[in-house]
C-alpha atoms as a PDB file:
ATOM      1  CA  MET A   1    -187.044  -8.001  70.517  1.00  0.00           C
ATOM      2  CA  LEU A   2    -189.780  -8.717  73.011  1.00  0.00           C
ATOM      3  CA  LEU A   3    -189.208 -11.263  75.733  1.00  0.00           C
ATOM      4  CA  ASP A   4    -191.741 -12.579  78.163  1.00  0.00           C
ATOM      5  CA  VAL A   5    -190.926 -13.121  81.802  1.00  0.00           C
ATOM      6  CA  HIS A   6    -191.997 -16.460  83.172  1.00  0.00           C
ATOM      7  CA  ALA A   7    -193.987 -16.448  86.403  1.00  0.00           C
ATOM      8  CA  GLU A   8    -191.015 -17.547  88.487  1.00  0.00           C
ATOM      9  CA  GLY A   9    -188.982 -14.632  87.104  1.00  0.00           C
ATOM     10  CA  TRP A  10    -191.388 -11.933  88.252  1.00  0.00           C
ATOM     11  CA  ARG A  11    -190.253 -12.100  91.858  1.00  0.00           C
ATOM     12  CA  ALA A  12    -186.609 -11.557  90.888  1.00  0.00           C
ATOM     13  CA  LEU A  13    -187.575  -8.822  88.431  1.00  0.00           C
ATOM     14  CA  SER A  14    -189.839  -6.931  90.797  1.00  0.00           C
ATOM     15  CA  THR A  15    -187.611  -7.117  93.853  1.00  0.00           C
ATOM     16  CA  SER A  16    -183.863  -7.472  93.669  1.00  0.00           C
ATOM     17  CA  THR A  17    -183.066  -6.548  90.062  1.00  0.00           C
ATOM     18  CA  TYR A  18    -185.534  -3.684  89.785  1.00  0.00           C
ATOM     19  CA  GLU A  19    -184.442  -2.235  93.130  1.00  0.00           C
ATOM     20  CA  ILE A  20    -180.821  -2.166  91.963  1.00  0.00           C
ATOM     21  CA  VAL A  21    -181.279  -0.642  88.515  1.00  0.00           C
ATOM     22  CA  GLY A  22    -184.437   1.402  89.160  1.00  0.00           C
ATOM     23  CA  ARG A  23    -186.075   0.795  85.774  1.00  0.00           C
ATOM     24  CA  MET A  24    -188.200  -2.123  84.637  1.00  0.00           C
ATOM     25  CA  ASP A  25    -186.717  -2.171  81.110  1.00  0.00           C
ATOM     26  CA  ALA A  26    -183.179  -2.319  82.475  1.00  0.00           C
ATOM     27  CA  ALA A  27    -184.132  -5.013  84.982  1.00  0.00           C
ATOM     28  CA  SER A  28    -185.690  -7.038  82.164  1.00  0.00           C
ATOM     29  CA  ALA A  29    -182.495  -6.765  80.127  1.00  0.00           C
ATOM     30  CA  VAL A  30    -180.450  -8.106  83.035  1.00  0.00           C
ATOM     31  CA  LEU A  31    -182.769 -11.050  83.585  1.00  0.00           C
ATOM     32  CA  ALA A  32    -182.738 -11.858  79.861  1.00  0.00           C
ATOM     33  CA  ALA A  33    -178.934 -11.767  79.867  1.00  0.00           C
ATOM     34  CA  VAL A  34    -178.827 -14.168  82.792  1.00  0.00           C
ATOM     35  CA  GLU A  35    -181.438 -16.496  81.296  1.00  0.00           C
ATOM     36  CA  PHE A  36    -179.825 -16.618  77.841  1.00  0.00           C
ATOM     37  CA  ASP A  37    -176.207 -16.431  79.064  1.00  0.00           C
ATOM     38  CA  CYS A  38    -175.344 -13.280  77.139  1.00  0.00           C
ATOM     39  CA  ASP A  39    -174.349  -9.662  77.777  1.00  0.00           C
ATOM     40  CA  VAL A  40    -176.307  -6.410  77.991  1.00  0.00           C
ATOM     41  CA  VAL A  41    -175.049  -3.875  75.441  1.00  0.00           C
ATOM     42  CA  THR A  42    -176.076  -0.371  76.497  1.00  0.00           C
ATOM     43  CA  ALA A  43    -175.403   3.303  75.950  1.00  0.00           C
ATOM     44  CA  THR A  44    -176.291   3.930  79.611  1.00  0.00           C
ATOM     45  CA  PRO A  45    -174.052   1.610  81.642  1.00  0.00           C
ATOM     46  CA  ARG A  46    -174.506   3.749  84.761  1.00  0.00           C
ATOM     47  CA  LEU A  47    -177.970   2.185  85.149  1.00  0.00           C
ATOM     48  CA  TYR A  48    -176.244  -1.077  85.948  1.00  0.00           C
ATOM     49  CA  ALA A  49    -173.540   0.295  88.247  1.00  0.00           C
ATOM     50  CA  GLY A  50    -174.971  -1.518  91.277  1.00  0.00           C
ATOM     51  CA  LEU A  51    -174.638  -4.942  89.695  1.00  0.00           C
ATOM     52  CA  ASP A  52    -171.698  -7.288  90.080  1.00  0.00           C
ATOM     53  CA  GLY A  53    -170.097  -9.003  87.143  1.00  0.00           C
ATOM     54  CA  ASP A  54    -168.975  -8.148  83.666  1.00  0.00           C
ATOM     55  CA  THR A  55    -172.135  -8.747  81.645  1.00  0.00           C
ATOM     56  CA  ILE A  56    -172.691  -5.034  80.936  1.00  0.00           C
ATOM     57  CA  LEU A  57    -170.955  -3.826  77.781  1.00  0.00           C
ATOM     58  CA  PRO A  58    -171.051  -0.063  77.246  1.00  0.00           C
ATOM     59  CA  ILE A  59    -171.507   1.422  73.794  1.00  0.00           C
ATOM     60  CA  GLU A  60    -169.087   4.278  73.403  1.00  0.00           C
ATOM     61  CA  ASP A  61    -169.715   7.320  71.209  1.00  0.00           C
END
């Protein structure tokens, strides 16, 4: 699914979220989860280790 980032979201994406996770795709997933009040399901939860909260759900092998 492709999501657009509204102009006001770019500042949050390019600064705080991106600096924490280190990847634009991961930062976008976090912002989408916040905006749509849902979780991020991922096979690489270590990307999100610097974030607070319980919105990251790891996929286990």
